[in-house]
Amino acid sequence: MNDCGKIMAILQENRMDTALKVQEILTKYGCYIRLRLGLHESQVESCSNTGLIVLQLCGDQQETAKLETELQAVPYVKVKSMALNF
């Protein structure tokens, strides 16, 4: 797994409805995830229903493409990715 130059951003517009499905998909492809960072606004009184997950992916490009396709099929989830080739 030397190829770790793919970065993926996952926007969940409705975390309450999408969190379980997104987590299931991420677990399925967990061997390709080198780094995962989750961000959402939170305060003592409230917690945002929108969240952003940033991934650094390694390995087989076909498998990471499948990950992206499965995430895009979840309602209220948007996915963008880019390749970093230095």
Protein backbone atom coordinates (compact mmCIF):
# COMPACT_ATOMS: atom_id res chain seq x y z
CA MET A 1 0.00 0.00 0.00
CA ASN A 2 2.49 2.61 -1.10
CA ASP A 3 -0.01 4.78 -3.01
CA CYS A 4 -1.55 7.03 -0.35
CA GLY A 5 -2.13 10.18 -2.37
CA LYS A 6 -5.93 10.16 -2.61
CA ILE A 7 -7.84 12.57 -0.36
CA MET A 8 -11.61 12.25 -0.03
CA ALA A 9 -14.05 14.67 1.61
CA ILE A 10 -17.48 13.39 2.64
CA LEU A 11 -20.21 15.89 3.48
CA GLN A 12 -23.14 14.52 5.45
CA GLU A 13 -25.98 17.00 5.18
CA ASN A 14 -28.12 15.01 7.62
CA ARG A 15 -25.85 13.13 10.05
CA MET A 16 -28.73 11.74 12.08
CA ASP A 17 -30.07 9.85 9.06
CA THR A 18 -26.79 8.98 7.33
CA ALA A 19 -24.27 8.26 10.09
CA LEU A 20 -24.94 4.52 10.42
CA LYS A 21 -24.84 3.83 6.68
CA VAL A 22 -21.72 5.95 6.16
CA GLN A 23 -19.98 4.20 9.08
CA GLU A 24 -20.93 0.80 7.64
CA ILE A 25 -19.38 1.71 4.28
CA LEU A 26 -16.23 3.16 5.88
CA THR A 27 -15.80 0.01 7.95
CA LYS A 28 -16.15 -2.14 4.82
CA TYR A 29 -13.26 -0.24 3.18
CA GLY A 30 -11.33 0.37 6.40
CA CYS A 31 -8.15 -1.30 5.14
CA TYR A 32 -7.79 1.46 2.53
CA ILE A 33 -8.20 4.33 5.03
CA ARG A 34 -4.94 5.65 6.43
CA LEU A 35 -6.33 8.77 8.09
CA ARG A 36 -9.84 9.82 9.08
CA LEU A 37 -10.80 13.23 10.43
CA GLY A 38 -14.38 14.06 11.38
CA LEU A 39 -15.60 17.63 11.80
CA HIS A 40 -18.92 19.08 12.87
CA GLU A 41 -20.05 22.10 14.80
CA SER A 42 -20.91 21.31 18.39
CA GLN A 43 -21.90 23.35 21.39
CA VAL A 44 -23.13 22.45 24.83
CA GLU A 45 -26.72 23.30 23.88
CA SER A 46 -26.77 21.82 20.38
CA CYS A 47 -24.95 19.66 17.87
CA SER A 48 -24.95 20.34 14.13
CA ASN A 49 -26.69 17.80 11.92
CA THR A 50 -24.12 18.49 9.19
CA GLY A 51 -20.70 16.86 9.28
CA LEU A 52 -17.55 16.60 7.22
CA ILE A 53 -15.24 13.59 7.11
CA VAL A 54 -11.81 13.85 5.48
CA LEU A 55 -10.00 10.64 4.49
CA GLN A 56 -6.54 9.83 3.24
CA LEU A 57 -6.83 6.66 1.17
CA CYS A 58 -4.14 4.14 0.28
CA GLY A 59 -3.95 1.26 -2.10
CA ASP A 60 -6.03 -0.16 -4.91
CA GLN A 61 -7.65 2.64 -6.93
CA GLN A 62 -10.51 0.39 -8.03
CA GLU A 63 -11.45 -0.29 -4.41
CA THR A 64 -11.26 3.37 -3.41
CA ALA A 65 -13.43 4.19 -6.43
CA LYS A 66 -15.99 1.64 -5.18
CA LEU A 67 -15.90 3.33 -1.77
CA GLU A 68 -16.67 6.67 -3.42
CA THR A 69 -19.51 5.19 -5.49
CA GLU A 70 -21.13 3.56 -2.45
CA LEU A 71 -20.93 6.77 -0.43
CA GLN A 72 -22.43 8.80 -3.28
CA ALA A 73 -25.42 6.45 -3.32
CA VAL A 74 -26.38 7.45 0.23
CA PRO A 75 -29.01 10.21 0.30
CA TYR A 76 -27.80 13.53 1.79
CA VAL A 77 -24.14 12.54 1.31
CA LYS A 78 -21.81 14.35 -1.09
CA VAL A 79 -18.31 13.18 -1.95
CA LYS A 80 -15.34 14.92 -3.55
CA SER A 81 -11.89 13.47 -4.00
CA MET A 82 -8.54 14.45 -5.41
CA ALA A 83 -5.23 12.79 -6.10
CA LEU A 84 -2.04 14.27 -4.73
CA ASN A 85 0.92 13.36 -6.92
CA PHE A 86 4.11 14.94 -5.67
